[in-house]
C-alpha atoms as a PDB file:
ATOM      1  CA  MET A   1      -1.261 -37.554   9.883  1.00  0.00           C
ATOM      2  CA  ASN A   2       0.027 -33.996   8.553  1.00  0.00           C
ATOM      3  CA  GLN A   3      -2.689 -31.974   7.448  1.00  0.00           C
ATOM      4  CA  ARG A   4      -1.869 -28.848   5.407  1.00  0.00           C
ATOM      5  CA  TRP A   5      -1.754 -25.434   6.600  1.00  0.00           C
ATOM      6  CA  LYS A   6      -4.328 -23.153   4.335  1.00  0.00           C
ATOM      7  CA  PRO A   7      -4.909 -19.762   5.490  1.00  0.00           C
ATOM      8  CA  ASN A   8      -8.106 -18.353   4.753  1.00  0.00           C
ATOM      9  CA  VAL A   9      -8.117 -15.307   2.182  1.00  0.00           C
ATOM     10  CA  THR A  10     -10.230 -12.253   2.723  1.00  0.00           C
ATOM     11  CA  VAL A  11     -10.543  -9.034   1.291  1.00  0.00           C
ATOM     12  CA  ALA A  12     -11.280  -6.133   3.340  1.00  0.00           C
ATOM     13  CA  ALA A  13     -12.026  -2.518   2.484  1.00  0.00           C
ATOM     14  CA  VAL A  14     -10.865   0.895   4.583  1.00  0.00           C
ATOM     15  CA  ILE A  15     -13.307   3.385   3.256  1.00  0.00           C
ATOM     16  CA  GLU A  16     -13.879   7.007   4.629  1.00  0.00           C
ATOM     17  CA  LEU A  17     -15.905   9.890   4.226  1.00  0.00           C
ATOM     18  CA  ASP A  18     -15.565  13.303   5.554  1.00  0.00           C
ATOM     19  CA  GLY A  19     -13.656  11.608   8.767  1.00  0.00           C
ATOM     20  CA  ARG A  20     -15.589   8.621   9.426  1.00  0.00           C
ATOM     21  CA  PHE A  21     -15.056   5.314   7.994  1.00  0.00           C
ATOM     22  CA  LEU A  22     -17.697   2.717   6.842  1.00  0.00           C
ATOM     23  CA  LEU A  23     -17.899  -0.418   9.020  1.00  0.00           C
ATOM     24  CA  VAL A  24     -20.574  -3.324   9.362  1.00  0.00           C
ATOM     25  CA  GLU A  25     -21.851  -4.409  12.473  1.00  0.00           C
ATOM     26  CA  GLU A  26     -22.575  -8.222  12.104  1.00  0.00           C
ATOM     27  CA  ALA A  27     -23.998 -10.968  14.603  1.00  0.00           C
ATOM     28  CA  SER A  28     -21.735 -13.420  15.812  1.00  0.00           C
ATOM     29  CA  ALA A  29     -21.347 -16.162  18.195  1.00  0.00           C
ATOM     30  CA  ASP A  30     -19.807 -13.733  20.296  1.00  0.00           C
ATOM     31  CA  GLY A  31     -22.607 -11.162  20.012  1.00  0.00           C
ATOM     32  CA  LEU A  32     -22.677  -8.359  18.122  1.00  0.00           C
ATOM     33  CA  LYS A  33     -19.034  -7.099  16.471  1.00  0.00           C
ATOM     34  CA  LEU A  34     -17.756  -4.483  14.057  1.00  0.00           C
ATOM     35  CA  ASN A  35     -15.838  -4.680  10.664  1.00  0.00           C
ATOM     36  CA  ASN A  36     -14.140  -3.227   7.552  1.00  0.00           C
ATOM     37  CA  PRO A  37     -16.542  -4.774   5.402  1.00  0.00           C
ATOM     38  CA  ALA A  38     -14.822  -7.897   4.570  1.00  0.00           C
ATOM     39  CA  GLY A  39     -15.248 -11.240   3.582  1.00  0.00           C
ATOM     40  CA  HIS A  40     -13.481 -14.582   1.546  1.00  0.00           C
ATOM     41  CA  LEU A  41     -12.472 -14.435  -1.572  1.00  0.00           C
ATOM     42  CA  ASP A  42     -14.214 -16.522  -3.913  1.00  0.00           C
ATOM     43  CA  PRO A  43     -13.097 -18.333  -6.926  1.00  0.00           C
ATOM     44  CA  GLY A  44     -12.628 -16.828 -10.171  1.00  0.00           C
ATOM     45  CA  GLU A  45     -12.120 -13.248  -8.939  1.00  0.00           C
ATOM     46  CA  SER A  46      -9.129 -10.989  -8.639  1.00  0.00           C
ATOM     47  CA  PRO A  47      -8.615  -9.662  -5.239  1.00  0.00           C
ATOM     48  CA  ALA A  48      -9.940  -5.841  -5.898  1.00  0.00           C
ATOM     49  CA  ASP A  49     -13.060  -7.806  -7.763  1.00  0.00           C
ATOM     50  CA  GLY A  50     -13.869  -9.856  -4.352  1.00  0.00           C
ATOM     51  CA  CYS A  51     -13.358  -6.186  -2.189  1.00  0.00           C
ATOM     52  CA  ALA A  52     -15.851  -4.358  -4.628  1.00  0.00           C
ATOM     53  CA  ARG A  53     -18.584  -7.733  -4.267  1.00  0.00           C
ATOM     54  CA  GLU A  54     -18.081  -8.147  -0.465  1.00  0.00           C
ATOM     55  CA  VAL A  55     -18.390  -4.005  -0.123  1.00  0.00           C
ATOM     56  CA  LEU A  56     -21.736  -3.961  -2.067  1.00  0.00           C
ATOM     57  CA  GLU A  57     -23.160  -7.118  -0.296  1.00  0.00           C
ATOM     58  CA  GLU A  58     -22.319  -6.004   2.956  1.00  0.00           C
ATOM     59  CA  THR A  59     -23.050  -2.418   2.923  1.00  0.00           C
ATOM     60  CA  ALA A  60     -25.198  -2.032  -0.462  1.00  0.00           C
ATOM     61  CA  TYR A  61     -22.591   0.795  -1.330  1.00  0.00           C
ATOM     62  CA  ALA A  62     -20.878   0.507  -4.814  1.00  0.00           C
ATOM     63  CA  PHE A  63     -17.114   0.617  -4.389  1.00  0.00           C
ATOM     64  CA  ARG A  64     -14.332   0.816  -6.338  1.00  0.00           C
ATOM     65  CA  PRO A  65     -10.604  -0.255  -5.022  1.00  0.00           C
ATOM     66  CA  THR A  66      -7.826   2.349  -6.221  1.00  0.00           C
ATOM     67  CA  ALA A  67      -4.912   1.201  -3.919  1.00  0.00           C
ATOM     68  CA  LEU A  68      -3.744  -1.878  -1.835  1.00  0.00           C
ATOM     69  CA  LEU A  69      -3.389  -0.782   1.529  1.00  0.00           C
ATOM     70  CA  GLY A  70      -1.766  -3.813   2.829  1.00  0.00           C
ATOM     71  CA  VAL A  71      -1.292  -7.501   3.307  1.00  0.00           C
ATOM     72  CA  TYR A  72      -2.156  -8.571   6.790  1.00  0.00           C
ATOM     73  CA  LEU A  73      -1.757 -12.107   8.559  1.00  0.00           C
ATOM     74  CA  SER A  74      -3.796 -12.912  11.890  1.00  0.00           C
ATOM     75  CA  ARG A  75      -5.129 -15.457  13.745  1.00  0.00           C
ATOM     76  CA  ALA A  76      -8.100 -16.331  16.099  1.00  0.00           C
ATOM     77  CA  ARG A  77      -9.665 -19.525  17.865  1.00  0.00           C
ATOM     78  CA  SER A  78     -13.729 -19.526  17.326  1.00  0.00           C
ATOM     79  CA  SER A  79     -15.490 -19.011  20.544  1.00  0.00           C
ATOM     80  CA  SER A  80     -18.005 -21.228  19.199  1.00  0.00           C
ATOM     81  CA  THR A  81     -16.297 -24.552  17.578  1.00  0.00           C
ATOM     82  CA  GLY A  82     -12.484 -24.094  19.228  1.00  0.00           C
ATOM     83  CA  GLU A  83     -10.925 -24.103  15.768  1.00  0.00           C
ATOM     84  CA  ASP A  84      -7.861 -22.199  15.040  1.00  0.00           C
ATOM     85  CA  VAL A  85      -7.741 -20.267  12.064  1.00  0.00           C
ATOM     86  CA  THR A  86      -5.657 -18.004  10.346  1.00  0.00           C
ATOM     87  CA  TYR A  87      -6.751 -15.011   7.931  1.00  0.00           C
ATOM     88  CA  LEU A  88      -4.461 -13.743   5.227  1.00  0.00           C
ATOM     89  CA  ARG A  89      -6.528 -10.029   4.678  1.00  0.00           C
ATOM     90  CA  LEU A  90      -5.931  -8.344   1.688  1.00  0.00           C
ATOM     91  CA  ALA A  91      -6.969  -4.869   2.442  1.00  0.00           C
ATOM     92  CA  PHE A  92      -7.989  -1.925   0.062  1.00  0.00           C
ATOM     93  CA  CYS A  93      -8.816   1.380  -0.713  1.00  0.00           C
ATOM     94  CA  GLY A  94     -10.923   3.612  -3.069  1.00  0.00           C
ATOM     95  CA  GLU A  95     -14.257   5.408  -4.203  1.00  0.00           C
ATOM     96  CA  ILE A  96     -17.245   4.836  -2.623  1.00  0.00           C
ATOM     97  CA  GLY A  97     -20.127   5.148  -5.349  1.00  0.00           C
ATOM     98  CA  ALA A  98     -23.943   5.011  -4.782  1.00  0.00           C
ATOM     99  CA  HIS A  99     -25.919   3.324  -1.902  1.00  0.00           C
ATOM    100  CA  ASP A 100     -28.590   1.378  -2.959  1.00  0.00           C
ATOM    101  CA  PRO A 101     -30.833   0.878  -0.146  1.00  0.00           C
ATOM    102  CA  ALA A 102     -33.004  -1.726  -1.853  1.00  0.00           C
ATOM    103  CA  LEU A 103     -30.694  -4.438  -1.818  1.00  0.00           C
ATOM    104  CA  PRO A 104     -30.393  -6.552   1.219  1.00  0.00           C
ATOM    105  CA  LEU A 105     -27.490  -6.814   3.216  1.00  0.00           C
ATOM    106  CA  ASP A 106     -25.499 -10.183   3.262  1.00  0.00           C
ATOM    107  CA  HIS A 107     -26.746 -13.019   5.956  1.00  0.00           C
ATOM    108  CA  GLY A 108     -25.753 -12.063   9.622  1.00  0.00           C
ATOM    109  CA  ILE A 109     -24.880  -8.148   8.726  1.00  0.00           C
ATOM    110  CA  VAL A 110     -27.412  -5.824  10.641  1.00  0.00           C
ATOM    111  CA  ARG A 111     -26.374  -2.865   9.568  1.00  0.00           C
ATOM    112  CA  ALA A 112     -23.410  -0.443   7.698  1.00  0.00           C
ATOM    113  CA  LEU A 113     -22.458   2.425   9.988  1.00  0.00           C
ATOM    114  CA  TRP A 114     -20.397   5.917   9.630  1.00  0.00           C
ATOM    115  CA  LEU A 115     -17.797   5.859  12.536  1.00  0.00           C
ATOM    116  CA  THR A 116     -14.495   8.107  13.493  1.00  0.00           C
ATOM    117  CA  PRO A 117     -11.473   6.614  14.440  1.00  0.00           C
ATOM    118  CA  GLU A 118     -12.107   7.595  17.481  1.00  0.00           C
ATOM    119  CA  GLN A 119     -15.551   6.041  18.167  1.00  0.00           C
ATOM    120  CA  ILE A 120     -13.351   2.971  16.219  1.00  0.00           C
ATOM    121  CA  ARG A 121     -10.672   3.012  18.779  1.00  0.00           C
ATOM    122  CA  ALA A 122     -12.982   3.306  21.676  1.00  0.00           C
ATOM    123  CA  SER A 123     -15.070   0.278  20.451  1.00  0.00           C
ATOM    124  CA  SER A 124     -11.951  -2.138  20.596  1.00  0.00           C
ATOM    125  CA  GLU A 125     -13.898  -4.521  22.567  1.00  0.00           C
ATOM    126  CA  ARG A 126     -16.510  -5.135  19.771  1.00  0.00           C
ATOM    127  CA  HIS A 127     -13.991  -5.716  16.987  1.00  0.00           C
ATOM    128  CA  ARG A 128     -14.493  -9.085  15.006  1.00  0.00           C
ATOM    129  CA  SER A 129     -10.906  -8.873  13.641  1.00  0.00           C
ATOM    130  CA  PRO A 130      -7.927  -7.642  15.164  1.00  0.00           C
ATOM    131  CA  LEU A 131      -7.018  -5.829  12.004  1.00  0.00           C
ATOM    132  CA  LEU A 132      -9.632  -3.644  11.872  1.00  0.00           C
ATOM    133  CA  MET A 133      -7.970  -1.017  13.220  1.00  0.00           C
ATOM    134  CA  ARG A 134      -4.489  -1.740  12.395  1.00  0.00           C
ATOM    135  CA  CYS A 135      -6.447  -1.281   8.496  1.00  0.00           C
ATOM    136  CA  VAL A 136      -7.387   2.390   9.718  1.00  0.00           C
ATOM    137  CA  GLU A 137      -4.542   3.714  11.277  1.00  0.00           C
ATOM    138  CA  ASP A 138      -2.443   2.548   8.091  1.00  0.00           C
ATOM    139  CA  TYR A 139      -5.156   4.399   6.013  1.00  0.00           C
ATOM    140  CA  LEU A 140      -4.749   7.533   8.429  1.00  0.00           C
ATOM    141  CA  ALA A 141      -0.749   7.126   7.854  1.00  0.00           C
ATOM    142  CA  GLY A 142      -1.473   7.574   4.196  1.00  0.00           C
ATOM    143  CA  VAL A 143       0.177   3.955   3.529  1.00  0.00           C
ATOM    144  CA  ARG A 144      -0.987   3.422  -0.151  1.00  0.00           C
ATOM    145  CA  HIS A 145       0.450   0.690  -2.697  1.00  0.00           C
ATOM    146  CA  PRO A 146      -0.815   0.435  -6.173  1.00  0.00           C
ATOM    147  CA  LEU A 147      -3.251  -2.011  -7.089  1.00  0.00           C
ATOM    148  CA  SER A 148      -0.765  -3.841 -10.125  1.00  0.00           C
ATOM    149  CA  LEU A 149       1.179  -4.905  -6.727  1.00  0.00           C
ATOM    150  CA  ILE A 150      -1.097  -7.894  -6.734  1.00  0.00           C
ATOM    151  CA  TYR A 151      -0.935  -9.762 -10.165  1.00  0.00           C
ATOM    152  CA  THR A 152      -3.916 -12.078 -10.916  1.00  0.00           C
ATOM    153  CA  HIS A 153      -3.391 -14.580 -13.898  1.00  0.00           C
ATOM    154  CA  PRO A 154      -5.902 -14.737 -16.426  1.00  0.00           C
ATOM    155  CA  SER A 155      -5.995 -18.625 -15.448  1.00  0.00           C
ATOM    156  CA  VAL A 156      -8.064 -17.379 -12.312  1.00  0.00           C
ATOM    157  CA  THR A 157     -10.782 -15.364 -13.914  1.00  0.00           C
ATOM    158  CA  ALA A 158     -11.094 -17.700 -17.078  1.00  0.00           C
ATOM    159  CA  ARG A 159     -14.796 -18.932 -17.033  1.00  0.00           C
END
C-alpha cells in the first residue's frame, strides 16, 4: 500500500536581544532539550501568525515576525515510537515585545532562557532539533528574506 508522504510543517523564531537568543527548555522522551520557540502550523493561520502564536505560547513574550530567515527540511526518528518524521520548518526573525509572566507556558515547556551563541553551540547534545543551530548561524550571517516571499491565500484564513 502506498502512503502519501506528508512532512510536518513547523514555524520557528530566532529572537536575539543583546547578543543572547531566546530558547525554550522542554521535556521530551529523551530528557530536557533546547529548541527555538517553535511548533506546528495550525489550520487557518499564516506561517508568520503561527510563529507569533508559538512564541507567545512557549515563552510568554509577544513577537512580531519581520523577516523570513529560511525554509529548512530535516528528518528524525522518534526514540519513543520509532516513527520516521520529516519536518519542513519556516524560521522567522523579528521584534520581541512585552513579556507576560502571568501566562502559562505550553505543556512540556519547562522555561524560556536566553543563551549566547557559544552556549548554544556548547549544548549541541541537548538540541531537540538539528535545525536550532543552523537557524541561529543563518541569523548571525545576516540572512533575511522579505515576509512577502510567503504568500498565504485568503482561503487559508477565511472563517
